[in-house]
Amino acid sequence: LLIKKAKDAGLFVITATQMVESMIENPVPTRAEVSDLQNAVWDGTDAVMLSGESASGKWPCEAVMAEAAAVLEAETTKHLLIPQVYDDFVVDEANKPREMDDSKRVTKVVASLGPASWSDEMIPQMIEAGTDIFRLNCSHRRGGDFERVYPLIRQSAKELGKHVECLGDLQGPKFRVAELAGDPVPLVNGDIFEFGICVDENDHIRPGRITMKPTIEQCALMRACKPGTTLLIEDGIMEVKVVEKCSDSELRVQVTRGGKLKARKGVNVPDVEIDCAALTEKDIEDAEFLLQLDPPLEYICVSFVQKGQDLQELIDIMDRMNLPADKRPKICPKIEK
């Protein structure tokens, strides 16, 4: 539904992430992961993204090739999909030789760069494997890595005669639980927990209490919650619902989907608008760096977008830098709520 709405609006759609997550450790994807990739193509996505698989996994090139092969096969079989198989239908009519010509592939493969893939040796191999867009994840921008990698991408693509694009991904506000006081804490359906902002440096997660550090963004999240609000933890693996708001920094929640809670796992509140800026101070610094790259990068992602005005913050930076229209990257809002 989201892909269709975006395509109907004429937008470029990237489907992410963790699509072949098993390939962080294994050289081939699972059948379910291939099915997810192909369904995304049949739904109309323009690109599929690799995250940890290509940034820190053991098989970055194989992950690119697996995604490229899966989406190519989906593209070349889409015309065979029918809503119903009739009694006189012969299954063999749907058999076809596998398409091996990757030059016919339309869906782009986005590969996130990291220690597993951004060396001088690996960049050309990643391009040869089928990478169409390299993702520069600003969550891991440090120590001059981007300054070294960006010209390497452009030079390698030129030498190989390939058209390769670059995407800068701004980190955005972070919403995460705090550290653990001991072992991972079991969340059991029906249990009641305190959920609050850390009162001091030793207020860690423990049985009966979940905490978050007192950042501007996380304090805003707590203020926005009210009885009935659902909080998703670790990409929705766990879920709690607010049963009582004790103060602007303290809640009582009931576990509605349990699991084992570990340190620094992400928190999301899908149905609440949080009163905080879309771009943090780090995002502004990172955006200024990305926007001065030469040649210009093609895409820039804004994380945790809640409303159209959030994108204006990035446009204002472009205006302040007097960037001409032909040097402005396409803005990609990330749908994370």
Protein backbone atom coordinates (compact mmCIF):
# COMPACT_ATOMS: atom_id res chain seq x y z
CA LEU A 1 0.00 0.00 0.00
CA LEU A 2 2.81 2.45 0.88
CA ILE A 3 4.67 1.65 -2.34
CA LYS A 4 1.52 2.15 -4.41
CA LYS A 5 0.72 5.49 -2.76
CA ALA A 6 4.28 6.71 -3.35
CA LYS A 7 4.28 5.55 -6.97
CA ASP A 8 0.89 7.17 -7.57
CA ALA A 9 2.48 10.42 -6.33
CA GLY A 10 5.32 10.00 -8.85
CA LEU A 11 8.00 9.31 -6.23
CA PHE A 12 11.15 7.18 -6.43
CA VAL A 13 10.74 4.33 -3.92
CA ILE A 14 13.53 2.48 -2.10
CA THR A 15 12.44 -0.54 -0.05
CA ALA A 16 14.62 -1.22 2.99
CA THR A 17 15.97 -2.75 5.21
CA GLN A 18 17.11 -6.15 6.49
CA MET A 19 15.71 -7.69 3.31
CA VAL A 20 18.37 -10.40 3.18
CA GLU A 21 19.57 -10.07 6.77
CA SER A 22 20.61 -13.72 6.99
CA MET A 23 23.39 -12.90 4.50
CA ILE A 24 25.27 -11.04 7.21
CA GLU A 25 26.44 -14.53 8.20
CA ASN A 26 25.46 -16.77 5.27
CA PRO A 27 26.42 -16.69 1.56
CA VAL A 28 22.85 -17.24 0.30
CA PRO A 29 19.48 -15.71 1.30
CA THR A 30 16.54 -17.65 2.69
CA ARG A 31 13.56 -18.48 0.52
CA ALA A 32 11.43 -16.07 2.56
CA GLU A 33 13.91 -13.22 1.94
CA VAL A 34 13.85 -13.83 -1.81
CA SER A 35 10.06 -13.81 -1.64
CA ASP A 36 10.11 -10.43 0.17
CA LEU A 37 12.39 -8.96 -2.49
CA GLN A 38 10.24 -10.18 -5.34
CA ASN A 39 7.02 -9.00 -3.72
CA ALA A 40 8.55 -5.54 -3.38
CA VAL A 41 9.30 -5.54 -7.12
CA TRP A 42 5.80 -6.75 -8.00
CA ASP A 43 4.42 -3.97 -5.77
CA GLY A 44 6.38 -1.44 -7.85
CA THR A 45 9.49 -0.50 -5.86
CA ASP A 46 12.28 1.26 -7.76
CA ALA A 47 15.14 0.00 -5.58
CA VAL A 48 15.96 -2.46 -2.80
CA MET A 49 18.51 -1.70 -0.12
CA LEU A 50 21.20 -3.67 1.66
CA SER A 51 22.18 -2.45 5.13
CA GLY A 52 24.31 -4.56 7.46
CA GLU A 53 24.57 -7.24 4.78
CA SER A 54 26.89 -5.07 2.69
CA ALA A 55 28.25 -2.73 5.38
CA SER A 56 29.48 -5.23 7.94
CA GLY A 57 28.49 -8.71 6.78
CA LYS A 58 30.72 -11.55 5.70
CA TRP A 59 29.36 -11.70 2.12
CA PRO A 60 28.85 -8.15 0.77
CA CYS A 61 29.36 -8.94 -2.93
CA GLU A 62 27.25 -12.08 -2.70
CA ALA A 63 24.46 -10.04 -1.06
CA VAL A 64 24.49 -7.57 -3.96
CA MET A 65 24.40 -10.42 -6.50
CA ALA A 66 21.59 -12.18 -4.62
CA GLU A 67 19.40 -9.06 -4.58
CA ALA A 68 20.17 -8.30 -8.23
CA ALA A 69 19.30 -11.85 -9.30
CA ALA A 70 16.09 -11.96 -7.25
CA VAL A 71 14.72 -8.66 -8.53
CA LEU A 72 15.66 -9.46 -12.13
CA GLU A 73 13.76 -12.73 -11.93
CA ALA A 74 10.78 -10.90 -10.43
CA GLU A 75 10.79 -8.36 -13.25
CA THR A 76 10.90 -11.04 -15.93
CA THR A 77 8.09 -13.12 -14.41
CA LYS A 78 5.67 -10.36 -13.47
CA HIS A 79 3.70 -10.77 -16.68
CA LEU A 80 3.06 -14.42 -15.77
CA LEU A 81 1.27 -13.57 -12.51
CA ILE A 82 -2.46 -14.28 -12.66
CA PRO A 83 -5.08 -13.85 -9.94
CA GLN A 84 -6.42 -17.39 -10.31
CA VAL A 85 -5.17 -20.70 -11.68
CA TYR A 86 -7.97 -22.28 -13.72
CA ASP A 87 -8.75 -26.00 -13.94
CA ASP A 88 -7.38 -26.33 -17.47
CA PHE A 89 -4.17 -24.43 -16.69
CA VAL A 90 -0.96 -26.33 -17.37
CA VAL A 91 1.73 -25.40 -14.85
CA ASP A 92 4.47 -25.91 -17.44
CA GLU A 93 3.09 -22.91 -19.34
CA ALA A 94 4.61 -20.69 -16.63
CA ASN A 95 8.07 -22.24 -16.82
CA LYS A 96 10.74 -20.12 -18.45
CA PRO A 97 14.53 -20.08 -18.54
CA ARG A 98 16.05 -17.90 -15.85
CA GLU A 99 17.00 -14.44 -17.12
CA MET A 100 20.78 -14.09 -16.78
CA ASP A 101 21.36 -10.72 -18.51
CA ASP A 102 21.69 -8.25 -15.65
CA SER A 103 21.74 -5.33 -18.09
CA LYS A 104 17.97 -5.85 -18.45
CA ARG A 105 17.40 -5.25 -14.74
CA VAL A 106 15.41 -2.10 -13.96
CA THR A 107 15.15 -2.28 -10.15
CA LYS A 108 18.22 -0.71 -8.56
CA VAL A 109 20.31 -2.31 -5.83
CA VAL A 110 21.39 0.04 -3.04
CA ALA A 111 24.41 -1.12 -1.02
CA SER A 112 25.27 0.47 2.33
CA LEU A 113 28.99 1.00 2.76
CA GLY A 114 30.94 0.04 5.85
CA PRO A 115 34.08 -1.78 6.99
CA ALA A 116 33.17 -4.89 4.96
CA SER A 117 32.83 -3.06 1.66
CA TRP A 118 34.53 0.34 1.51
CA SER A 119 38.13 -0.68 0.94
CA ASP A 120 39.98 0.20 -2.27
CA GLU A 121 39.70 -3.44 -3.36
CA MET A 122 36.03 -3.97 -2.50
CA ILE A 123 34.44 -0.89 -4.11
CA PRO A 124 35.16 -2.07 -7.71
CA GLN A 125 34.02 -5.58 -6.79
CA MET A 126 30.75 -4.23 -5.37
CA ILE A 127 30.15 -2.32 -8.60
CA GLU A 128 30.87 -5.38 -10.72
CA ALA A 129 28.52 -7.42 -8.51
CA GLY A 130 25.64 -5.13 -9.50
CA THR A 131 25.53 -2.16 -7.10
CA ASP A 132 23.65 0.77 -8.66
CA ILE A 133 23.62 3.14 -5.66
CA PHE A 134 26.07 3.34 -2.76
CA ARG A 135 24.61 4.47 0.57
CA LEU A 136 26.77 6.66 2.81
CA ASN A 137 25.27 6.15 6.27
CA CYS A 138 25.98 9.27 8.30
CA SER A 139 25.41 7.34 11.53
CA HIS A 140 28.91 6.00 10.90
CA ARG A 141 30.59 9.09 9.46
CA ARG A 142 33.91 9.47 11.23
CA GLY A 143 37.66 9.69 10.73
CA GLY A 144 37.69 10.80 7.10
CA ASP A 145 36.15 7.58 5.71
CA PHE A 146 33.61 9.41 3.53
CA GLU A 147 36.29 11.80 2.25
CA ARG A 148 38.29 8.78 1.08
CA VAL A 149 35.43 6.61 -0.19
CA TYR A 150 33.43 9.13 -2.23
CA PRO A 151 36.10 9.92 -4.84
CA LEU A 152 36.97 6.21 -4.93
CA ILE A 153 33.38 5.36 -5.90
CA ARG A 154 33.35 7.95 -8.67
CA GLN A 155 36.76 6.91 -10.00
CA SER A 156 35.99 3.17 -9.89
CA ALA A 157 32.67 3.64 -11.70
CA LYS A 158 34.37 5.70 -14.38
CA GLU A 159 37.11 3.13 -14.91
CA LEU A 160 34.56 0.30 -15.14
CA GLY A 161 32.27 2.24 -17.46
CA LYS A 162 29.34 1.90 -15.03
CA HIS A 163 26.71 4.43 -14.04
CA VAL A 164 26.74 4.40 -10.23
CA GLU A 165 24.93 6.87 -7.98
CA CYS A 166 25.42 7.88 -4.35
CA LEU A 167 22.95 8.39 -1.53
CA GLY A 168 23.71 10.25 1.70
CA ASP A 169 21.59 9.09 4.62
CA LEU A 170 21.21 11.53 7.53
CA GLN A 171 20.97 9.87 10.93
CA GLY A 172 18.03 11.86 12.30
CA PRO A 173 16.84 11.83 15.91
CA LYS A 174 17.58 8.60 17.77
CA PHE A 175 15.06 6.93 20.05
CA ARG A 176 16.64 4.05 21.95
CA VAL A 177 16.34 2.37 25.32
CA ALA A 178 19.27 2.83 27.68
CA GLU A 179 21.92 0.40 28.93
CA LEU A 180 21.28 -2.79 30.85
CA ALA A 181 22.01 -3.12 34.55
CA GLY A 182 22.69 -6.84 34.02
CA ASP A 183 21.41 -9.52 31.68
CA PRO A 184 18.76 -8.93 28.98
CA VAL A 185 15.38 -8.36 30.61
CA PRO A 186 12.47 -10.69 29.72
CA LEU A 187 9.31 -8.85 28.71
CA VAL A 188 6.34 -11.17 29.33
CA ASN A 189 2.90 -10.45 27.91
CA GLY A 190 0.73 -8.77 30.54
CA ASP A 191 3.60 -7.62 32.77
CA ILE A 192 3.58 -4.01 33.99
CA PHE A 193 6.83 -2.02 33.73
CA GLU A 194 7.95 1.48 34.61
CA PHE A 195 9.11 3.26 31.44
CA GLY A 196 10.96 6.50 32.08
CA ILE A 197 13.82 8.88 31.47
CA CYS A 198 17.00 7.96 33.37
CA VAL A 199 17.07 9.83 36.68
CA ASP A 200 20.87 9.45 36.88
CA GLU A 201 23.77 7.70 35.14
CA ASN A 202 23.07 4.43 36.98
CA ASP A 203 19.36 4.21 36.12
CA HIS A 204 19.76 1.29 33.73
CA ILE A 205 17.22 -1.20 32.38
CA ARG A 206 16.33 -3.91 34.89
CA PRO A 207 13.38 -6.17 35.70
CA GLY A 208 10.34 -3.93 36.18
CA ARG A 209 11.93 -0.80 34.67
CA ILE A 210 12.81 0.34 31.12
CA THR A 211 14.72 3.60 30.73
CA MET A 212 15.85 6.02 28.03
CA LYS A 213 18.62 8.60 28.24
CA PRO A 214 17.53 12.26 28.70
CA THR A 215 18.17 13.57 25.17
CA ILE A 216 16.00 16.38 23.75
CA GLU A 217 14.33 13.98 21.32
CA GLN A 218 13.65 11.25 23.87
CA CYS A 219 12.22 13.68 26.41
CA ALA A 220 9.90 14.94 23.65
CA LEU A 221 8.82 11.36 22.94
CA MET A 222 7.93 10.82 26.60
CA ARG A 223 5.94 14.07 26.73
CA ALA A 224 3.95 13.01 23.67
CA CYS A 225 2.85 9.66 25.14
CA LYS A 226 -0.51 9.23 26.84
CA PRO A 227 -2.61 6.30 28.08
CA GLY A 228 -3.28 4.00 25.14
CA THR A 229 -0.13 4.96 23.23
CA THR A 230 1.70 1.98 21.71
CA LEU A 231 5.50 1.90 21.80
CA LEU A 232 7.35 -0.49 19.50
CA ILE A 233 10.77 -1.76 20.57
CA GLU A 234 13.48 -3.27 18.34
CA ASP A 235 11.65 -2.79 15.02
CA GLY A 236 8.37 -3.96 16.50
CA ILE A 237 9.67 -7.28 17.81
CA MET A 238 8.41 -6.15 21.23
CA GLU A 239 5.46 -3.90 22.01
CA VAL A 240 4.23 -2.12 25.12
CA LYS A 241 1.15 0.05 25.71
CA VAL A 242 0.94 3.00 28.08
CA VAL A 243 -1.54 2.35 30.90
CA GLU A 244 -0.69 5.38 33.04
CA LYS A 245 1.17 8.65 32.56
CA CYS A 246 2.79 9.47 35.89
CA SER A 247 4.61 12.61 34.68
CA ASP A 248 6.23 14.04 31.55
CA SER A 249 9.17 11.72 32.13
CA GLU A 250 7.56 8.61 33.66
CA LEU A 251 5.06 6.10 32.30
CA ARG A 252 3.61 2.78 33.35
CA VAL A 253 3.33 0.37 30.44
CA GLN A 254 1.92 -3.11 29.88
CA VAL A 255 3.75 -5.62 27.69
CA THR A 256 1.53 -6.59 24.75
CA ARG A 257 4.19 -8.43 22.73
CA GLY A 258 7.06 -9.85 24.70
CA GLY A 259 10.67 -10.75 24.08
CA LYS A 260 14.13 -10.28 25.55
CA LEU A 261 15.06 -6.62 25.89
CA LYS A 262 18.70 -5.78 25.23
CA ALA A 263 20.56 -2.50 25.51
CA ARG A 264 20.21 0.39 23.04
CA LYS A 265 17.34 -1.09 21.03
CA GLY A 266 15.24 1.30 18.97
CA VAL A 267 11.90 2.70 20.12
CA ASN A 268 9.15 3.87 17.77
CA VAL A 269 5.77 5.46 18.44
CA PRO A 270 3.81 5.08 15.18
CA ASP A 271 0.66 6.98 16.10
CA VAL A 272 2.15 10.01 17.86
CA GLU A 273 3.69 13.18 16.42
CA ILE A 274 6.78 14.03 18.45
CA ASP A 275 7.60 17.69 18.91
CA CYS A 276 11.23 17.75 17.84
CA ALA A 277 13.23 18.94 14.85
CA ALA A 278 13.78 16.50 11.98
CA LEU A 279 17.45 17.50 11.73
CA THR A 280 19.76 17.36 14.74
CA GLU A 281 22.97 19.39 15.03
CA LYS A 282 24.86 16.36 13.70
CA ASP A 283 22.44 16.09 10.75
CA ILE A 284 23.01 19.74 9.82
CA GLU A 285 26.78 19.24 9.91
CA ASP A 286 26.50 16.04 7.87
CA ALA A 287 24.14 17.66 5.34
CA GLU A 288 26.55 20.54 4.80
CA PHE A 289 29.33 18.02 4.16
CA LEU A 290 27.24 15.94 1.73
CA LEU A 291 25.97 18.96 -0.18
CA GLN A 292 29.48 20.26 -0.95
CA LEU A 293 30.66 16.99 -2.51
CA ASP A 294 31.93 17.25 -6.09
CA PRO A 295 30.45 15.84 -8.22
CA PRO A 296 27.16 16.24 -6.35
CA LEU A 297 25.58 13.14 -4.86
CA GLU A 298 22.25 12.08 -6.38
CA TYR A 299 20.11 11.44 -3.28
CA ILE A 300 19.92 12.55 0.33
CA CYS A 301 17.69 10.80 2.89
CA VAL A 302 16.01 12.54 5.81
CA SER A 303 15.27 10.22 8.71
CA PHE A 304 12.24 10.30 10.99
CA VAL A 305 10.12 12.53 8.76
CA GLN A 306 6.73 13.22 10.36
CA LYS A 307 5.38 15.98 8.12
CA GLY A 308 6.20 17.88 4.95
CA GLN A 309 7.68 20.80 6.88
CA ASP A 310 10.46 18.52 8.13
CA LEU A 311 11.92 18.44 4.59
CA GLN A 312 12.00 22.22 4.49
CA GLU A 313 14.80 22.18 7.05
CA LEU A 314 17.05 20.49 4.49
CA ILE A 315 15.89 22.76 1.67
CA ASP A 316 16.75 25.76 3.86
CA ILE A 317 20.31 24.46 4.19
CA MET A 318 20.56 24.17 0.39
CA ASP A 319 19.25 27.72 0.06
CA ARG A 320 21.75 28.99 2.62
CA MET A 321 24.57 27.28 0.70
CA ASN A 322 23.30 28.86 -2.56
CA LEU A 323 23.20 25.47 -4.29
CA PRO A 324 21.98 25.75 -7.89
CA ALA A 325 19.11 23.49 -8.92
CA ASP A 326 21.33 21.17 -10.98
CA LYS A 327 23.50 20.43 -7.94
CA ARG A 328 20.68 19.66 -5.52
CA PRO A 329 20.18 15.96 -4.75
CA LYS A 330 16.76 14.36 -4.75
CA ILE A 331 15.34 14.34 -1.20
CA CYS A 332 14.17 10.95 0.06
CA PRO A 333 12.00 11.06 3.20
CA LYS A 334 12.30 7.82 5.18
CA ILE A 335 9.01 6.30 6.33
CA GLU A 336 9.88 4.91 9.74
CA LYS A 337 6.75 5.45 11.84
